[in-house]
Amino acid sequence: TVIPKTYSKVFIPKEISIKQEPQWLSENFLP
């Protein structure tokens, strides 16, 4: 709720751990 409504937002699924996150990012956003 604190994130401005005008921002384009993407939510990382809660089952994605911090160790898994770099791989998840690379699969969703081209480096």
PDB file of all heavy atoms in Angstrom:
ATOM      1  N   THR A   1       0.809  -1.224   0.000  1.00  0.00           N
ATOM      2  CA  THR A   1       0.000   0.000   0.000  1.00  0.00           C
ATOM      3  C   THR A   1       0.837   1.267   0.000  1.00  0.00           C
ATOM      4  O   THR A   1       0.345   2.332  -0.388  1.00  0.00           O
ATOM      5  CB  THR A   1      -0.936   0.022   1.220  1.00  0.00           C
ATOM      6  OG1 THR A   1      -0.161  -0.181   2.409  1.00  0.00           O
ATOM      7  CG2 THR A   1      -1.993  -1.065   1.104  1.00  0.00           C
ATOM      8  N   VAL A   2       2.105   1.186   0.435  1.00  0.00           N
ATOM      9  CA  VAL A   2       2.931   2.401   0.464  1.00  0.00           C
ATOM     10  C   VAL A   2       3.581   2.676  -0.894  1.00  0.00           C
ATOM     11  O   VAL A   2       4.119   3.754  -1.112  1.00  0.00           O
ATOM     12  CB  VAL A   2       4.021   2.333   1.562  1.00  0.00           C
ATOM     13  CG1 VAL A   2       3.388   2.115   2.927  1.00  0.00           C
ATOM     14  CG2 VAL A   2       5.060   1.263   1.265  1.00  0.00           C
ATOM     15  N   ILE A   3       3.541   1.705  -1.801  1.00  0.00           N
ATOM     16  CA  ILE A   3       4.137   1.901  -3.121  1.00  0.00           C
ATOM     17  C   ILE A   3       3.180   2.710  -3.981  1.00  0.00           C
ATOM     18  O   ILE A   3       2.008   2.340  -4.129  1.00  0.00           O
ATOM     19  CB  ILE A   3       4.445   0.553  -3.803  1.00  0.00           C
ATOM     20  CG1 ILE A   3       5.365  -0.296  -2.916  1.00  0.00           C
ATOM     21  CG2 ILE A   3       5.086   0.773  -5.174  1.00  0.00           C
ATOM     22  CD1 ILE A   3       5.582  -1.709  -3.430  1.00  0.00           C
ATOM     23  N   PRO A   4       3.617   3.848  -4.513  1.00  0.00           N
ATOM     24  CA  PRO A   4       2.704   4.696  -5.295  1.00  0.00           C
ATOM     25  C   PRO A   4       1.979   3.924  -6.402  1.00  0.00           C
ATOM     26  O   PRO A   4       2.578   3.079  -7.080  1.00  0.00           O
ATOM     27  CB  PRO A   4       3.643   5.769  -5.872  1.00  0.00           C
ATOM     28  CG  PRO A   4       4.749   5.867  -4.873  1.00  0.00           C
ATOM     29  CD  PRO A   4       4.953   4.468  -4.375  1.00  0.00           C
ATOM     30  N   LYS A   5       0.706   4.204  -6.556  1.00  0.00           N
ATOM     31  CA  LYS A   5      -0.127   3.497  -7.538  1.00  0.00           C
ATOM     32  C   LYS A   5       0.353   3.707  -8.965  1.00  0.00           C
ATOM     33  O   LYS A   5       0.087   2.889  -9.842  1.00  0.00           O
ATOM     34  CB  LYS A   5      -1.582   3.952  -7.402  1.00  0.00           C
ATOM     35  CG  LYS A   5      -2.244   3.537  -6.095  1.00  0.00           C
ATOM     36  CD  LYS A   5      -3.707   3.980  -6.071  1.00  0.00           C
ATOM     37  CE  LYS A   5      -4.436   3.445  -4.843  1.00  0.00           C
ATOM     38  NZ  LYS A   5      -3.893   3.952  -3.593  1.00  0.00           N
ATOM     39  N   THR A   6       1.049   4.807  -9.209  1.00  0.00           N
ATOM     40  CA  THR A   6       1.494   5.116 -10.568  1.00  0.00           C
ATOM     41  C   THR A   6       2.708   4.283 -10.990  1.00  0.00           C
ATOM     42  O   THR A   6       3.055   4.269 -12.174  1.00  0.00           O
ATOM     43  CB  THR A   6       1.865   6.607 -10.687  1.00  0.00           C
ATOM     44  OG1 THR A   6       2.844   6.932  -9.688  1.00  0.00           O
ATOM     45  CG2 THR A   6       0.630   7.477 -10.495  1.00  0.00           C
ATOM     46  N   TYR A   7       3.349   3.589 -10.060  1.00  0.00           N
ATOM     47  CA  TYR A   7       4.533   2.808 -10.385  1.00  0.00           C
ATOM     48  C   TYR A   7       4.143   1.488 -11.042  1.00  0.00           C
ATOM     49  O   TYR A   7       3.192   0.821 -10.602  1.00  0.00           O
ATOM     50  CB  TYR A   7       5.355   2.481  -9.132  1.00  0.00           C
ATOM     51  CG  TYR A   7       6.070   3.646  -8.483  1.00  0.00           C
ATOM     52  CD1 TYR A   7       5.874   4.959  -8.904  1.00  0.00           C
ATOM     53  CD2 TYR A   7       6.940   3.427  -7.421  1.00  0.00           C
ATOM     54  CE1 TYR A   7       6.530   6.013  -8.288  1.00  0.00           C
ATOM     55  CE2 TYR A   7       7.605   4.474  -6.794  1.00  0.00           C
ATOM     56  CZ  TYR A   7       7.393   5.765  -7.235  1.00  0.00           C
ATOM     57  OH  TYR A   7       8.050   6.812  -6.615  1.00  0.00           O
ATOM     58  N   SER A   8       4.894   1.106 -12.061  1.00  0.00           N
ATOM     59  CA  SER A   8       4.757  -0.234 -12.634  1.00  0.00           C
ATOM     60  C   SER A   8       5.420  -1.218 -11.673  1.00  0.00           C
ATOM     61  O   SER A   8       6.601  -1.086 -11.363  1.00  0.00           O
ATOM     62  CB  SER A   8       5.429  -0.276 -14.004  1.00  0.00           C
ATOM     63  OG  SER A   8       5.407  -1.576 -14.525  1.00  0.00           O
ATOM     64  N   LYS A   9       4.651  -2.213 -11.200  1.00  0.00           N
ATOM     65  CA  LYS A   9       5.133  -3.088 -10.125  1.00  0.00           C
ATOM     66  C   LYS A   9       5.115  -4.558 -10.558  1.00  0.00           C
ATOM     67  O   LYS A   9       4.227  -4.987 -11.292  1.00  0.00           O
ATOM     68  CB  LYS A   9       4.254  -2.931  -8.875  1.00  0.00           C
ATOM     69  CG  LYS A   9       4.307  -1.550  -8.253  1.00  0.00           C
ATOM     70  CD  LYS A   9       3.364  -1.413  -7.077  1.00  0.00           C
ATOM     71  CE  LYS A   9       1.922  -1.205  -7.494  1.00  0.00           C
ATOM     72  NZ  LYS A   9       1.671   0.109  -8.085  1.00  0.00           N
ATOM     73  N   VAL A  10       6.099  -5.299 -10.045  1.00  0.00           N
ATOM     74  CA  VAL A  10       6.135  -6.749 -10.200  1.00  0.00           C
ATOM     75  C   VAL A  10       6.443  -7.340  -8.824  1.00  0.00           C
ATOM     76  O   VAL A  10       7.347  -6.862  -8.128  1.00  0.00           O
ATOM     77  CB  VAL A  10       7.210  -7.192 -11.218  1.00  0.00           C
ATOM     78  CG1 VAL A  10       7.350  -8.708 -11.223  1.00  0.00           C
ATOM     79  CG2 VAL A  10       6.866  -6.690 -12.613  1.00  0.00           C
ATOM     80  N   PHE A  11       5.695  -8.383  -8.437  1.00  0.00           N
ATOM     81  CA  PHE A  11       5.875  -8.993  -7.117  1.00  0.00           C
ATOM     82  C   PHE A  11       6.575 -10.343  -7.245  1.00  0.00           C
ATOM     83  O   PHE A  11       6.169 -11.196  -8.045  1.00  0.00           O
ATOM     84  CB  PHE A  11       4.523  -9.160  -6.420  1.00  0.00           C
ATOM     85  CG  PHE A  11       3.804  -7.849  -6.224  1.00  0.00           C
ATOM     86  CD1 PHE A  11       2.614  -7.584  -6.891  1.00  0.00           C
ATOM     87  CD2 PHE A  11       4.335  -6.881  -5.391  1.00  0.00           C
ATOM     88  CE1 PHE A  11       1.963  -6.377  -6.725  1.00  0.00           C
ATOM     89  CE2 PHE A  11       3.689  -5.661  -5.225  1.00  0.00           C
ATOM     90  CZ  PHE A  11       2.499  -5.410  -5.884  1.00  0.00           C
ATOM     91  N   ILE A  12       7.621 -10.522  -6.453  1.00  0.00           N
ATOM     92  CA  ILE A  12       8.334 -11.799  -6.430  1.00  0.00           C
ATOM     93  C   ILE A  12       7.540 -12.781  -5.574  1.00  0.00           C
ATOM     94  O   ILE A  12       7.219 -12.473  -4.421  1.00  0.00           O
ATOM     95  CB  ILE A  12       9.751 -11.618  -5.851  1.00  0.00           C
ATOM     96  CG1 ILE A  12      10.558 -10.625  -6.691  1.00  0.00           C
ATOM     97  CG2 ILE A  12      10.482 -12.949  -5.772  1.00  0.00           C
ATOM     98  CD1 ILE A  12      11.908 -10.286  -6.106  1.00  0.00           C
ATOM     99  N   PRO A  13       7.217 -13.953  -6.105  1.00  0.00           N
ATOM    100  CA  PRO A  13       6.461 -14.934  -5.311  1.00  0.00           C
ATOM    101  C   PRO A  13       7.180 -15.267  -4.005  1.00  0.00           C
ATOM    102  O   PRO A  13       8.407 -15.374  -3.964  1.00  0.00           O
ATOM    103  CB  PRO A  13       6.402 -16.163  -6.235  1.00  0.00           C
ATOM    104  CG  PRO A  13       6.577 -15.612  -7.612  1.00  0.00           C
ATOM    105  CD  PRO A  13       7.511 -14.441  -7.465  1.00  0.00           C
ATOM    106  N   LYS A  14       6.397 -15.420  -2.932  1.00  0.00           N
ATOM    107  CA  LYS A  14       7.013 -15.612  -1.613  1.00  0.00           C
ATOM    108  C   LYS A  14       7.801 -16.910  -1.504  1.00  0.00           C
ATOM    109  O   LYS A  14       8.671 -17.042  -0.639  1.00  0.00           O
ATOM    110  CB  LYS A  14       5.953 -15.532  -0.510  1.00  0.00           C
ATOM    111  CG  LYS A  14       4.806 -16.489  -0.648  1.00  0.00           C
ATOM    112  CD  LYS A  14       3.749 -16.185   0.409  1.00  0.00           C
ATOM    113  CE  LYS A  14       2.515 -17.056   0.208  1.00  0.00           C
ATOM    114  NZ  LYS A  14       1.438 -16.687   1.156  1.00  0.00           N
ATOM    115  N   GLU A  15       7.538 -17.876  -2.398  1.00  0.00           N
ATOM    116  CA  GLU A  15       8.299 -19.123  -2.345  1.00  0.00           C
ATOM    117  C   GLU A  15       9.693 -18.992  -2.954  1.00  0.00           C
ATOM    118  O   GLU A  15      10.530 -19.892  -2.830  1.00  0.00           O
ATOM    119  CB  GLU A  15       7.534 -20.252  -3.055  1.00  0.00           C
ATOM    120  CG  GLU A  15       7.276 -20.036  -4.529  1.00  0.00           C
ATOM    121  CD  GLU A  15       5.932 -19.369  -4.804  1.00  0.00           C
ATOM    122  OE1 GLU A  15       5.384 -18.736  -3.869  1.00  0.00           O
ATOM    123  OE2 GLU A  15       5.459 -19.484  -5.941  1.00  0.00           O
ATOM    124  N   ILE A  16       9.985 -17.857  -3.611  1.00  0.00           N
ATOM    125  CA  ILE A  16      11.312 -17.622  -4.182  1.00  0.00           C
ATOM    126  C   ILE A  16      12.233 -17.090  -3.084  1.00  0.00           C
ATOM    127  O   ILE A  16      12.029 -15.991  -2.558  1.00  0.00           O
ATOM    128  CB  ILE A  16      11.254 -16.631  -5.356  1.00  0.00           C
ATOM    129  CG1 ILE A  16      10.351 -17.155  -6.471  1.00  0.00           C
ATOM    130  CG2 ILE A  16      12.660 -16.344  -5.891  1.00  0.00           C
ATOM    131  CD1 ILE A  16      10.819 -18.428  -7.128  1.00  0.00           C
ATOM    132  N   SER A  17      13.254 -17.860  -2.732  1.00  0.00           N
ATOM    133  CA  SER A  17      14.197 -17.440  -1.683  1.00  0.00           C
ATOM    134  C   SER A  17      15.199 -16.453  -2.251  1.00  0.00           C
ATOM    135  O   SER A  17      15.329 -16.280  -3.469  1.00  0.00           O
ATOM    136  CB  SER A  17      14.939 -18.659  -1.128  1.00  0.00           C
ATOM    137  OG  SER A  17      15.846 -19.157  -2.100  1.00  0.00           O
ATOM    138  N   ILE A  18      15.962 -15.828  -1.351  1.00  0.00           N
ATOM    139  CA  ILE A  18      16.971 -14.869  -1.799  1.00  0.00           C
ATOM    140  C   ILE A  18      18.049 -15.565  -2.628  1.00  0.00           C
ATOM    141  O   ILE A  18      18.610 -14.973  -3.564  1.00  0.00           O
ATOM    142  CB  ILE A  18      17.583 -14.102  -0.594  1.00  0.00           C
ATOM    143  CG1 ILE A  18      18.390 -12.890  -1.069  1.00  0.00           C
ATOM    144  CG2 ILE A  18      18.414 -15.021   0.281  1.00  0.00           C
ATOM    145  CD1 ILE A  18      17.588 -11.832  -1.762  1.00  0.00           C
ATOM    146  N   LYS A  19      18.330 -16.833  -2.344  1.00  0.00           N
ATOM    147  CA  LYS A  19      19.310 -17.578  -3.136  1.00  0.00           C
ATOM    148  C   LYS A  19      18.780 -17.860  -4.545  1.00  0.00           C
ATOM    149  O   LYS A  19      19.547 -17.932  -5.506  1.00  0.00           O
ATOM    150  CB  LYS A  19      19.673 -18.885  -2.431  1.00  0.00           C
ATOM    151  CG  LYS A  19      20.539 -18.693  -1.195  1.00  0.00           C
ATOM    152  CD  LYS A  19      20.963 -20.026  -0.612  1.00  0.00           C
ATOM    153  CE  LYS A  19      21.867 -19.820   0.604  1.00  0.00           C
ATOM    154  NZ  LYS A  19      22.289 -21.124   1.197  1.00  0.00           N
ATOM    155  N   GLN A  20      17.470 -18.052  -4.650  1.00  0.00           N
ATOM    156  CA  GLN A  20      16.857 -18.340  -5.945  1.00  0.00           C
ATOM    157  C   GLN A  20      16.586 -17.078  -6.761  1.00  0.00           C
ATOM    158  O   GLN A  20      16.358 -17.158  -7.967  1.00  0.00           O
ATOM    159  CB  GLN A  20      15.541 -19.098  -5.746  1.00  0.00           C
ATOM    160  CG  GLN A  20      15.694 -20.457  -5.094  1.00  0.00           C
ATOM    161  CD  GLN A  20      14.349 -21.025  -4.653  1.00  0.00           C
ATOM    162  OE1 GLN A  20      13.495 -20.310  -4.138  1.00  0.00           O
ATOM    163  NE2 GLN A  20      14.160 -22.319  -4.874  1.00  0.00           N
ATOM    164  N   GLU A  21      16.629 -15.939  -6.095  1.00  0.00           N
ATOM    165  CA  GLU A  21      16.173 -14.701  -6.736  1.00  0.00           C
ATOM    166  C   GLU A  21      16.970 -14.311  -7.982  1.00  0.00           C
ATOM    167  O   GLU A  21      16.351 -13.926  -8.990  1.00  0.00           O
ATOM    168  CB  GLU A  21      16.166 -13.555  -5.724  1.00  0.00           C
ATOM    169  CG  GLU A  21      15.583 -12.273  -6.297  1.00  0.00           C
ATOM    170  CD  GLU A  21      15.474 -11.163  -5.285  1.00  0.00           C
ATOM    171  OE1 GLU A  21      14.927 -11.398  -4.181  1.00  0.00           O
ATOM    172  OE2 GLU A  21      15.935 -10.052  -5.590  1.00  0.00           O
ATOM    173  N   PRO A  22      18.312 -14.360  -7.977  1.00  0.00           N
ATOM    174  CA  PRO A  22      19.022 -13.976  -9.209  1.00  0.00           C
ATOM    175  C   PRO A  22      18.567 -14.777 -10.435  1.00  0.00           C
ATOM    176  O   PRO A  22      18.417 -14.216 -11.520  1.00  0.00           O
ATOM    177  CB  PRO A  22      20.485 -14.235  -8.858  1.00  0.00           C
ATOM    178  CG  PRO A  22      20.548 -14.040  -7.381  1.00  0.00           C
ATOM    179  CD  PRO A  22      19.261 -14.619  -6.869  1.00  0.00           C
ATOM    180  N   GLN A  23      18.343 -16.089 -10.254  1.00  0.00           N
ATOM    181  CA  GLN A  23      17.873 -16.902 -11.373  1.00  0.00           C
ATOM    182  C   GLN A  23      16.472 -16.480 -11.790  1.00  0.00           C
ATOM    183  O   GLN A  23      16.170 -16.361 -12.984  1.00  0.00           O
ATOM    184  CB  GLN A  23      17.884 -18.380 -10.973  1.00  0.00           C
ATOM    185  CG  GLN A  23      17.435 -19.337 -12.070  1.00  0.00           C
ATOM    186  CD  GLN A  23      18.314 -19.290 -13.301  1.00  0.00           C
ATOM    187  OE1 GLN A  23      19.518 -19.053 -13.206  1.00  0.00           O
ATOM    188  NE2 GLN A  23      17.729 -19.509 -14.470  1.00  0.00           N
ATOM    189  N   TRP A  24      15.607 -16.226 -10.804  1.00  0.00           N
ATOM    190  CA  TRP A  24      14.233 -15.785 -11.104  1.00  0.00           C
ATOM    191  C   TRP A  24      14.246 -14.458 -11.871  1.00  0.00           C
ATOM    192  O   TRP A  24      13.518 -14.289 -12.854  1.00  0.00           O
ATOM    193  CB  TRP A  24      13.444 -15.644  -9.803  1.00  0.00           C
ATOM    194  CG  TRP A  24      12.005 -15.247 -10.003  1.00  0.00           C
ATOM    195  CD1 TRP A  24      10.939 -16.069 -10.167  1.00  0.00           C
ATOM    196  CD2 TRP A  24      11.485 -13.903 -10.059  1.00  0.00           C
ATOM    197  NE1 TRP A  24       9.778 -15.339 -10.329  1.00  0.00           N
ATOM    198  CE2 TRP A  24      10.085 -14.007 -10.264  1.00  0.00           C
ATOM    199  CE3 TRP A  24      12.049 -12.645  -9.947  1.00  0.00           C
ATOM    200  CZ2 TRP A  24       9.257 -12.887 -10.365  1.00  0.00           C
ATOM    201  CZ3 TRP A  24      11.232 -11.528 -10.055  1.00  0.00           C
ATOM    202  CH2 TRP A  24       9.864 -11.653 -10.264  1.00  0.00           C
ATOM    203  N   LEU A  25      15.098 -13.528 -11.443  1.00  0.00           N
ATOM    204  CA  LEU A  25      15.197 -12.243 -12.127  1.00  0.00           C
ATOM    205  C   LEU A  25      15.647 -12.430 -13.577  1.00  0.00           C
ATOM    206  O   LEU A  25      15.078 -11.832 -14.502  1.00  0.00           O
ATOM    207  CB  LEU A  25      16.176 -11.321 -11.395  1.00  0.00           C
ATOM    208  CG  LEU A  25      15.695 -10.698 -10.080  1.00  0.00           C
ATOM    209  CD1 LEU A  25      16.856 -10.044  -9.347  1.00  0.00           C
ATOM    210  CD2 LEU A  25      14.581  -9.691 -10.315  1.00  0.00           C
ATOM    211  N   SER A  26      16.663 -13.283 -13.771  1.00  0.00           N
ATOM    212  CA  SER A  26      17.190 -13.465 -15.126  1.00  0.00           C
ATOM    213  C   SER A  26      16.185 -14.133 -16.050  1.00  0.00           C
ATOM    214  O   SER A  26      16.230 -13.942 -17.273  1.00  0.00           O
ATOM    215  CB  SER A  26      18.493 -14.270 -15.079  1.00  0.00           C
ATOM    216  OG  SER A  26      18.257 -15.604 -14.663  1.00  0.00           O
ATOM    217  N   GLU A  27      15.271 -14.920 -15.476  1.00  0.00           N
ATOM    218  CA  GLU A  27      14.231 -15.560 -16.278  1.00  0.00           C
ATOM    219  C   GLU A  27      13.105 -14.602 -16.638  1.00  0.00           C
ATOM    220  O   GLU A  27      12.345 -14.853 -17.587  1.00  0.00           O
ATOM    221  CB  GLU A  27      13.660 -16.768 -15.524  1.00  0.00           C
ATOM    222  CG  GLU A  27      14.643 -17.924 -15.399  1.00  0.00           C
ATOM    223  CD  GLU A  27      14.160 -19.006 -14.449  1.00  0.00           C
ATOM    224  OE1 GLU A  27      13.064 -18.827 -13.845  1.00  0.00           O
ATOM    225  OE2 GLU A  27      14.864 -20.019 -14.291  1.00  0.00           O
ATOM    226  N   ASN A  28      12.986 -13.512 -15.876  1.00  0.00           N
ATOM    227  CA  ASN A  28      11.874 -12.577 -16.088  1.00  0.00           C
ATOM    228  C   ASN A  28      12.302 -11.234 -16.680  1.00  0.00           C
ATOM    229  O   ASN A  28      11.473 -10.529 -17.258  1.00  0.00           O
ATOM    230  CB  ASN A  28      11.140 -12.340 -14.761  1.00  0.00           C
ATOM    231  CG  ASN A  28      10.324 -13.540 -14.328  1.00  0.00           C
ATOM    232  OD1 ASN A  28       9.174 -13.695 -14.733  1.00  0.00           O
ATOM    233  ND2 ASN A  28      10.925 -14.407 -13.509  1.00  0.00           N
ATOM    234  N   PHE A  29      13.598 -10.882 -16.523  1.00  0.00           N
ATOM    235  CA  PHE A  29      14.090  -9.591 -17.015  1.00  0.00           C
ATOM    236  C   PHE A  29      15.459  -9.807 -17.665  1.00  0.00           C
ATOM    237  O   PHE A  29      16.420 -10.164 -16.976  1.00  0.00           O
ATOM    238  CB  PHE A  29      14.219  -8.586 -15.860  1.00  0.00           C
ATOM    239  CG  PHE A  29      12.960  -8.406 -15.062  1.00  0.00           C
ATOM    240  CD1 PHE A  29      12.801  -9.049 -13.842  1.00  0.00           C
ATOM    241  CD2 PHE A  29      11.930  -7.593 -15.525  1.00  0.00           C
ATOM    242  CE1 PHE A  29      11.649  -8.887 -13.099  1.00  0.00           C
ATOM    243  CE2 PHE A  29      10.773  -7.428 -14.793  1.00  0.00           C
ATOM    244  CZ  PHE A  29      10.624  -8.071 -13.579  1.00  0.00           C
ATOM    245  N   LEU A  30      15.550  -9.567 -18.943  1.00  0.00           N
ATOM    246  CA  LEU A  30      16.800  -9.826 -19.659  1.00  0.00           C
ATOM    247  C   LEU A  30      17.934  -8.954 -19.108  1.00  0.00           C
ATOM    248  O   LEU A  30      17.807  -7.725 -19.047  1.00  0.00           O
ATOM    249  CB  LEU A  30      16.620  -9.553 -21.151  1.00  0.00           C
ATOM    250  CG  LEU A  30      15.674 -10.503 -21.904  1.00  0.00           C
ATOM    251  CD1 LEU A  30      15.485 -10.018 -23.340  1.00  0.00           C
ATOM    252  CD2 LEU A  30      16.213 -11.926 -21.869  1.00  0.00           C
ATOM    253  N   PRO A  31      19.062  -9.564 -18.725  1.00  0.00           N
ATOM    254  CA  PRO A  31      20.170  -8.790 -18.145  1.00  0.00           C
ATOM    255  C   PRO A  31      20.724  -7.704 -19.066  1.00  0.00           C
ATOM    256  O   PRO A  31      21.171  -6.658 -18.584  1.00  0.00           O
ATOM    257  CB  PRO A  31      21.225  -9.861 -17.855  1.00  0.00           C
ATOM    258  CG  PRO A  31      20.442 -11.114 -17.649  1.00  0.00           C
ATOM    259  CD  PRO A  31      19.306 -11.020 -18.624  1.00  0.00           C
TER     260      PRO A  31
END
